[in-house]
């Protein structure tokens, strides 16, 4: 019985990873169509993993991609702690690259729902006032 349950969990995990990857590709295409340049997928930093890193003008967007039935559920799926980690990860990546170090780091979301167009939400959690250009918090 235990191995059957493990197999089911393993299959669900694999399906979720594939669905997540597909959602990230769709979100990247959507952003590119709107003029964003995609700099990376699933970037790993000590602070966390970034789904998409995108640039447009003077903005470096750390983009979280969520697939949920509603926009509200997508926004609620990312806790304040996760938001903080994602911003720190984006700022750390920007600080390591000279061409990104002067950009404003922002936390965006692309929400995907079945049967609907992707929705890009700039500054999805209203955190712009919390940051300076490098993504660090103001004192």
N, C-alpha and C. Protein backbone atom coordinates (compact mmCIF):
# COMPACT_ATOMS: atom_id res chain seq x y z
N UNK A 1 0.82 -1.20 0.00
CA UNK A 1 0.00 0.00 0.00
C UNK A 1 0.87 1.27 0.00
N UNK A 2 1.94 1.25 0.76
CA UNK A 2 2.80 2.41 0.85
C UNK A 2 3.44 2.74 -0.49
N UNK A 3 3.89 1.73 -1.22
CA UNK A 3 4.52 2.01 -2.51
C UNK A 3 3.52 2.58 -3.51
N UNK A 4 2.27 2.14 -3.45
CA UNK A 4 1.25 2.70 -4.35
C UNK A 4 1.03 4.18 -4.04
N UNK A 5 0.94 4.53 -2.78
CA UNK A 5 0.77 5.91 -2.38
C UNK A 5 1.99 6.75 -2.80
N UNK A 6 3.17 6.19 -2.65
CA UNK A 6 4.38 6.89 -3.07
C UNK A 6 4.39 7.11 -4.57
N UNK A 7 3.94 6.12 -5.34
CA UNK A 7 3.87 6.27 -6.80
C UNK A 7 2.90 7.38 -7.19
N UNK A 8 1.76 7.42 -6.53
CA UNK A 8 0.77 8.46 -6.82
C UNK A 8 1.35 9.84 -6.52
N UNK A 9 2.00 9.98 -5.37
CA UNK A 9 2.61 11.26 -5.00
C UNK A 9 3.72 11.65 -5.98
N UNK A 10 4.51 10.68 -6.38
CA UNK A 10 5.59 10.95 -7.33
C UNK A 10 5.03 11.44 -8.66
N UNK A 11 3.96 10.79 -9.15
CA UNK A 11 3.33 11.21 -10.40
C UNK A 11 2.75 12.60 -10.30
N UNK A 12 2.09 12.89 -9.19
CA UNK A 12 1.53 14.23 -8.99
C UNK A 12 2.63 15.28 -8.97
N UNK A 13 3.73 14.98 -8.30
CA UNK A 13 4.85 15.91 -8.26
C UNK A 13 5.43 16.16 -9.63
N UNK A 14 5.57 15.09 -10.42
CA UNK A 14 6.08 15.23 -11.78
C UNK A 14 5.13 16.06 -12.63
N UNK A 15 3.84 15.80 -12.52
CA UNK A 15 2.84 16.57 -13.26
C UNK A 15 2.88 18.05 -12.87
N UNK A 16 3.03 18.32 -11.59
CA UNK A 16 3.08 19.70 -11.11
C UNK A 16 4.32 20.42 -11.65
N UNK A 17 5.46 19.73 -11.66
CA UNK A 17 6.68 20.33 -12.20
C UNK A 17 6.53 20.64 -13.68
N UNK A 18 5.96 19.72 -14.44
CA UNK A 18 5.76 19.95 -15.87
C UNK A 18 4.78 21.10 -16.11
N UNK A 19 3.71 21.14 -15.35
CA UNK A 19 2.74 22.22 -15.49
C UNK A 19 3.37 23.56 -15.13
N UNK A 20 4.20 23.58 -14.08
CA UNK A 20 4.90 24.80 -13.69
C UNK A 20 5.86 25.28 -14.75
N UNK A 21 6.59 24.36 -15.35
CA UNK A 21 7.52 24.71 -16.42
C UNK A 21 6.76 25.29 -17.61
N UNK A 22 5.65 24.64 -17.97
CA UNK A 22 4.84 25.12 -19.09
C UNK A 22 4.29 26.51 -18.79
N UNK A 23 3.83 26.74 -17.57
CA UNK A 23 3.30 28.05 -17.18
C UNK A 23 4.38 29.12 -17.28
N UNK A 24 5.60 28.80 -16.87
CA UNK A 24 6.71 29.76 -16.94
C UNK A 24 7.05 30.11 -18.39
N UNK A 25 7.01 29.12 -19.27
CA UNK A 25 7.27 29.38 -20.69
C UNK A 25 6.19 30.28 -21.27
N UNK A 26 4.94 29.99 -20.96
CA UNK A 26 3.83 30.80 -21.43
C UNK A 26 3.95 32.24 -20.89
N UNK A 27 4.27 32.37 -19.62
CA UNK A 27 4.44 33.70 -19.01
C UNK A 27 5.58 34.47 -19.68
N UNK A 28 6.68 33.79 -19.96
CA UNK A 28 7.82 34.44 -20.62
C UNK A 28 7.42 34.93 -22.01
N UNK A 29 6.71 34.12 -22.75
CA UNK A 29 6.24 34.52 -24.09
C UNK A 29 5.33 35.75 -23.99
N UNK A 30 4.45 35.74 -23.00
CA UNK A 30 3.53 36.86 -22.80
C UNK A 30 4.30 38.14 -22.51
N UNK A 31 5.30 38.05 -21.63
CA UNK A 31 6.10 39.22 -21.29
C UNK A 31 6.91 39.71 -22.48
N UNK A 32 7.49 38.79 -23.24
CA UNK A 32 8.27 39.18 -24.42
C UNK A 32 7.38 39.91 -25.43
N UNK A 33 6.15 39.45 -25.58
CA UNK A 33 5.21 40.12 -26.50
C UNK A 33 4.90 41.54 -26.04
N UNK A 34 5.09 41.81 -24.75
CA UNK A 34 4.84 43.14 -24.20
C UNK A 34 6.12 43.96 -24.09
N UNK A 35 7.21 43.47 -24.68
CA UNK A 35 8.44 44.24 -24.73
C UNK A 35 9.47 43.94 -23.67
N UNK A 36 9.25 42.94 -22.83
CA UNK A 36 10.21 42.57 -21.80
C UNK A 36 11.28 41.66 -22.39
N UNK A 37 12.48 41.78 -21.86
CA UNK A 37 13.57 40.87 -22.22
C UNK A 37 13.74 39.88 -21.07
N UNK A 38 13.64 38.60 -21.38
CA UNK A 38 13.76 37.56 -20.36
C UNK A 38 15.25 37.27 -20.16
N UNK A 39 15.71 37.43 -18.92
CA UNK A 39 17.12 37.22 -18.60
C UNK A 39 17.39 35.84 -18.01
N UNK A 40 16.35 35.19 -17.50
CA UNK A 40 16.58 33.87 -16.93
C UNK A 40 15.30 33.21 -16.45
N UNK A 41 15.36 31.87 -16.43
CA UNK A 41 14.29 31.02 -15.93
C UNK A 41 14.80 30.28 -14.70
N UNK A 42 13.98 30.12 -13.71
CA UNK A 42 14.31 29.31 -12.53
C UNK A 42 15.72 29.57 -12.01
N UNK A 43 16.01 30.83 -11.77
CA UNK A 43 17.33 31.22 -11.28
C UNK A 43 17.43 30.92 -9.80
N UNK A 44 18.52 30.31 -9.42
CA UNK A 44 18.72 29.95 -8.02
C UNK A 44 19.67 30.95 -7.37
N UNK A 45 19.29 31.38 -6.20
CA UNK A 45 20.11 32.25 -5.37
C UNK A 45 19.99 31.74 -3.94
N UNK A 46 20.92 32.07 -3.07
CA UNK A 46 20.82 31.61 -1.69
C UNK A 46 19.49 32.00 -1.03
N UNK A 47 18.90 33.11 -1.48
CA UNK A 47 17.65 33.60 -0.89
C UNK A 47 16.42 32.87 -1.42
N UNK A 48 16.53 32.20 -2.56
CA UNK A 48 15.39 31.49 -3.13
C UNK A 48 15.49 31.36 -4.63
N UNK A 49 14.47 30.74 -5.21
CA UNK A 49 14.44 30.53 -6.66
C UNK A 49 13.50 31.53 -7.31
N UNK A 50 13.97 32.12 -8.40
CA UNK A 50 13.18 33.10 -9.16
C UNK A 50 12.62 32.39 -10.38
N UNK A 51 11.30 32.46 -10.56
CA UNK A 51 10.68 31.82 -11.73
C UNK A 51 11.19 32.45 -13.02
N UNK A 52 11.06 33.78 -13.13
CA UNK A 52 11.53 34.51 -14.30
C UNK A 52 12.21 35.80 -13.85
N UNK A 53 13.26 36.16 -14.54
CA UNK A 53 13.90 37.46 -14.33
C UNK A 53 13.79 38.19 -15.66
N UNK A 54 13.18 39.37 -15.64
CA UNK A 54 12.91 40.10 -16.87
C UNK A 54 13.33 41.56 -16.72
N UNK A 55 13.68 42.16 -17.86
CA UNK A 55 14.13 43.55 -17.86
C UNK A 55 13.37 44.33 -18.93
N UNK A 56 13.00 45.55 -18.54
CA UNK A 56 12.39 46.48 -19.50
C UNK A 56 12.73 47.88 -19.01
N UNK A 57 13.46 48.62 -19.83
CA UNK A 57 13.89 49.96 -19.43
C UNK A 57 14.75 49.88 -18.18
N UNK A 58 14.43 50.69 -17.18
CA UNK A 58 15.20 50.72 -15.94
C UNK A 58 14.67 49.80 -14.86
N UNK A 59 13.82 48.83 -15.24
CA UNK A 59 13.20 47.93 -14.26
C UNK A 59 13.71 46.50 -14.45
N UNK A 60 14.10 45.90 -13.36
CA UNK A 60 14.44 44.48 -13.32
C UNK A 60 13.31 43.81 -12.54
N UNK A 61 12.51 43.01 -13.23
CA UNK A 61 11.36 42.39 -12.59
C UNK A 61 11.68 40.96 -12.19
N UNK A 62 11.48 40.68 -10.91
CA UNK A 62 11.52 39.32 -10.39
C UNK A 62 10.07 38.85 -10.53
N UNK A 63 9.84 37.90 -11.43
CA UNK A 63 8.48 37.52 -11.78
C UNK A 63 8.13 36.17 -11.18
N UNK A 64 7.10 36.15 -10.37
CA UNK A 64 6.56 34.91 -9.81
C UNK A 64 5.40 34.50 -10.70
N UNK A 65 5.40 33.24 -11.13
CA UNK A 65 4.35 32.72 -12.02
C UNK A 65 3.48 31.77 -11.21
N UNK A 66 2.18 32.02 -11.24
CA UNK A 66 1.24 31.17 -10.50
C UNK A 66 0.06 30.80 -11.38
N UNK A 67 -0.32 29.54 -11.33
CA UNK A 67 -1.51 29.06 -12.02
C UNK A 67 -2.53 28.68 -10.96
N UNK A 68 -3.62 29.42 -10.93
CA UNK A 68 -4.70 29.20 -9.98
C UNK A 68 -6.02 29.54 -10.68
N UNK A 69 -7.15 29.10 -10.12
CA UNK A 69 -8.44 29.42 -10.75
C UNK A 69 -8.75 30.92 -10.81
N UNK A 70 -8.27 31.71 -9.81
CA UNK A 70 -8.57 33.14 -9.79
C UNK A 70 -7.30 33.95 -9.51
N UNK A 71 -7.37 35.23 -9.87
CA UNK A 71 -6.27 36.14 -9.60
C UNK A 71 -6.03 36.26 -8.09
N UNK A 72 -7.09 36.34 -7.32
CA UNK A 72 -6.96 36.47 -5.87
C UNK A 72 -6.23 35.28 -5.26
N UNK A 73 -6.54 34.08 -5.75
CA UNK A 73 -5.86 32.89 -5.25
C UNK A 73 -4.38 32.90 -5.64
N UNK A 74 -4.08 33.40 -6.83
CA UNK A 74 -2.68 33.51 -7.25
C UNK A 74 -1.91 34.45 -6.34
N UNK A 75 -2.48 35.61 -6.06
CA UNK A 75 -1.82 36.59 -5.18
C UNK A 75 -1.64 36.04 -3.77
N UNK A 76 -2.66 35.34 -3.27
CA UNK A 76 -2.60 34.81 -1.91
C UNK A 76 -1.61 33.65 -1.78
N UNK A 77 -1.24 33.03 -2.90
CA UNK A 77 -0.36 31.86 -2.86
C UNK A 77 1.09 32.22 -2.51
N UNK A 78 1.42 33.50 -2.54
CA UNK A 78 2.78 33.94 -2.22
C UNK A 78 2.74 34.72 -0.91
N UNK A 79 3.33 34.14 0.11
CA UNK A 79 3.30 34.75 1.44
C UNK A 79 4.24 35.96 1.51
N UNK A 80 4.04 36.84 2.49
CA UNK A 80 4.95 37.98 2.67
C UNK A 80 6.42 37.54 2.83
N UNK A 81 6.62 36.42 3.52
CA UNK A 81 7.98 35.90 3.69
C UNK A 81 8.58 35.51 2.33
N UNK A 82 7.80 34.86 1.48
CA UNK A 82 8.27 34.50 0.14
C UNK A 82 8.55 35.74 -0.69
N UNK A 83 7.69 36.74 -0.57
CA UNK A 83 7.90 37.99 -1.30
C UNK A 83 9.24 38.61 -0.92
N UNK A 84 9.51 38.65 0.37
CA UNK A 84 10.76 39.21 0.87
C UNK A 84 11.97 38.44 0.32
N UNK A 85 11.88 37.11 0.36
CA UNK A 85 12.97 36.28 -0.16
C UNK A 85 13.19 36.52 -1.65
N UNK A 86 12.11 36.62 -2.41
CA UNK A 86 12.23 36.85 -3.85
C UNK A 86 12.87 38.20 -4.15
N UNK A 87 12.48 39.24 -3.41
CA UNK A 87 13.10 40.55 -3.60
C UNK A 87 14.58 40.52 -3.26
N UNK A 88 14.92 39.84 -2.17
CA UNK A 88 16.34 39.73 -1.79
C UNK A 88 17.13 38.96 -2.84
N UNK A 89 16.54 37.90 -3.39
CA UNK A 89 17.21 37.11 -4.43
C UNK A 89 17.43 37.97 -5.67
N UNK A 90 16.43 38.73 -6.07
CA UNK A 90 16.58 39.62 -7.23
C UNK A 90 17.65 40.67 -7.01
N UNK A 91 17.66 41.27 -5.82
CA UNK A 91 18.67 42.28 -5.50
C UNK A 91 20.07 41.67 -5.50
N UNK A 92 20.21 40.44 -5.00
CA UNK A 92 21.51 39.77 -4.97
C UNK A 92 22.01 39.49 -6.39
N UNK A 93 21.13 39.04 -7.26
CA UNK A 93 21.52 38.79 -8.65
C UNK A 93 21.90 40.09 -9.33
N UNK A 94 21.11 41.15 -9.11
CA UNK A 94 21.41 42.45 -9.71
C UNK A 94 22.75 43.00 -9.22
N UNK A 95 23.05 42.81 -7.95
CA UNK A 95 24.30 43.33 -7.39
C UNK A 95 25.53 42.64 -7.97
N UNK A 96 25.37 41.39 -8.39
CA UNK A 96 26.51 40.63 -8.94
C UNK A 96 26.80 40.97 -10.39
N UNK A 97 25.86 41.61 -11.07
CA UNK A 97 26.05 41.92 -12.49
C UNK A 97 26.06 43.43 -12.71
N UNK A 98 27.14 43.91 -13.23
CA UNK A 98 27.31 45.35 -13.44
C UNK A 98 26.18 45.95 -14.28
N UNK A 99 25.74 45.24 -15.32
CA UNK A 99 24.70 45.77 -16.20
C UNK A 99 23.33 45.81 -15.55
N UNK A 100 23.15 45.13 -14.43
CA UNK A 100 21.87 45.12 -13.73
C UNK A 100 21.88 45.92 -12.43
N UNK A 101 23.06 46.27 -11.96
CA UNK A 101 23.19 46.87 -10.62
C UNK A 101 22.50 48.21 -10.46
N UNK A 102 22.26 48.93 -11.54
CA UNK A 102 21.61 50.24 -11.43
C UNK A 102 20.10 50.18 -11.66
N UNK A 103 19.58 49.00 -11.95
CA UNK A 103 18.16 48.86 -12.23
C UNK A 103 17.32 48.81 -10.96
N UNK A 104 16.09 49.24 -11.08
CA UNK A 104 15.13 49.17 -9.99
C UNK A 104 14.58 47.75 -9.94
N UNK A 105 14.70 47.08 -8.80
CA UNK A 105 14.23 45.70 -8.64
C UNK A 105 12.78 45.72 -8.15
N UNK A 106 11.92 45.01 -8.88
CA UNK A 106 10.50 45.01 -8.57
C UNK A 106 9.97 43.58 -8.58
N UNK A 107 8.99 43.30 -7.74
CA UNK A 107 8.38 41.97 -7.67
C UNK A 107 7.04 41.98 -8.42
N UNK A 108 7.01 41.28 -9.55
CA UNK A 108 5.82 41.19 -10.39
C UNK A 108 5.25 39.78 -10.34
N UNK A 109 4.06 39.63 -10.87
CA UNK A 109 3.45 38.31 -10.98
C UNK A 109 2.82 38.17 -12.35
N UNK A 110 2.89 36.95 -12.87
CA UNK A 110 2.07 36.59 -14.02
C UNK A 110 1.13 35.51 -13.51
N UNK A 111 -0.17 35.82 -13.54
CA UNK A 111 -1.20 34.89 -13.08
C UNK A 111 -1.82 34.20 -14.28
N UNK A 112 -1.92 32.89 -14.19
CA UNK A 112 -2.51 32.09 -15.27
C UNK A 112 -3.72 31.36 -14.70
N UNK A 113 -4.80 31.39 -15.46
CA UNK A 113 -6.02 30.69 -15.06
C UNK A 113 -6.54 29.93 -16.28
N UNK A 114 -7.09 28.77 -16.08
CA UNK A 114 -7.60 27.98 -17.20
C UNK A 114 -8.60 28.77 -18.05
N UNK A 115 -8.39 28.75 -19.37
CA UNK A 115 -9.31 29.39 -20.29
C UNK A 115 -9.22 30.91 -20.35
N UNK A 116 -8.20 31.49 -19.71
CA UNK A 116 -8.07 32.95 -19.70
C UNK A 116 -6.68 33.34 -20.16
N UNK A 117 -6.55 34.57 -20.61
CA UNK A 117 -5.24 35.10 -21.00
C UNK A 117 -4.37 35.27 -19.76
N UNK A 118 -3.05 35.18 -19.92
CA UNK A 118 -2.17 35.47 -18.79
C UNK A 118 -2.36 36.92 -18.36
N UNK A 119 -2.14 37.17 -17.11
CA UNK A 119 -2.26 38.54 -16.59
C UNK A 119 -0.97 38.93 -15.89
N UNK A 120 -0.30 39.96 -16.42
CA UNK A 120 0.93 40.47 -15.82
C UNK A 120 0.54 41.56 -14.83
N UNK A 121 0.98 41.41 -13.59
CA UNK A 121 0.65 42.37 -12.54
C UNK A 121 1.96 42.99 -12.03
N UNK A 122 2.28 44.19 -12.52
CA UNK A 122 3.48 44.86 -12.03
C UNK A 122 3.34 45.21 -10.55
N UNK A 123 4.41 45.09 -9.80
CA UNK A 123 4.40 45.38 -8.36
C UNK A 123 3.18 44.73 -7.71
N UNK A 124 3.05 43.43 -7.90
CA UNK A 124 1.85 42.68 -7.54
C UNK A 124 1.41 42.84 -6.09
N UNK A 125 2.33 43.05 -5.19
CA UNK A 125 1.97 43.13 -3.77
C UNK A 125 2.19 44.53 -3.20
N UNK A 126 2.31 45.53 -4.07
CA UNK A 126 2.42 46.92 -3.62
C UNK A 126 3.65 47.20 -2.79
N UNK A 127 4.80 46.68 -3.22
CA UNK A 127 6.02 46.81 -2.41
C UNK A 127 6.97 47.85 -2.95
N UNK A 128 6.59 48.63 -3.96
CA UNK A 128 7.51 49.59 -4.55
C UNK A 128 8.04 50.57 -3.51
N UNK A 129 7.20 51.05 -2.63
CA UNK A 129 7.63 52.01 -1.61
C UNK A 129 8.61 51.43 -0.60
N UNK A 130 8.76 50.11 -0.57
CA UNK A 130 9.65 49.46 0.40
C UNK A 130 11.10 49.38 -0.07
N UNK A 131 11.40 49.82 -1.29
CA UNK A 131 12.72 49.55 -1.85
C UNK A 131 13.42 50.79 -2.37
N UNK A 132 14.72 50.68 -2.50
CA UNK A 132 15.52 51.65 -3.22
C UNK A 132 15.84 51.02 -4.57
N UNK A 133 16.68 51.65 -5.35
CA UNK A 133 17.00 51.13 -6.67
C UNK A 133 17.58 49.72 -6.65
N UNK A 134 18.36 49.38 -5.69
CA UNK A 134 19.01 48.08 -5.65
C UNK A 134 18.15 47.02 -5.01
N UNK A 135 16.93 47.37 -4.62
CA UNK A 135 16.05 46.37 -4.03
C UNK A 135 16.16 46.29 -2.51
N UNK A 136 17.05 47.07 -1.92
CA UNK A 136 17.18 47.04 -0.46
C UNK A 136 16.08 47.87 0.17
N UNK A 137 15.70 47.51 1.38
CA UNK A 137 14.66 48.26 2.09
C UNK A 137 15.21 49.61 2.54
N UNK A 138 14.32 50.58 2.53
CA UNK A 138 14.68 51.90 3.08
C UNK A 138 14.61 51.83 4.59
N UNK A 139 15.41 52.59 5.24
CA UNK A 139 15.41 52.66 6.71
C UNK A 139 14.60 53.84 7.18
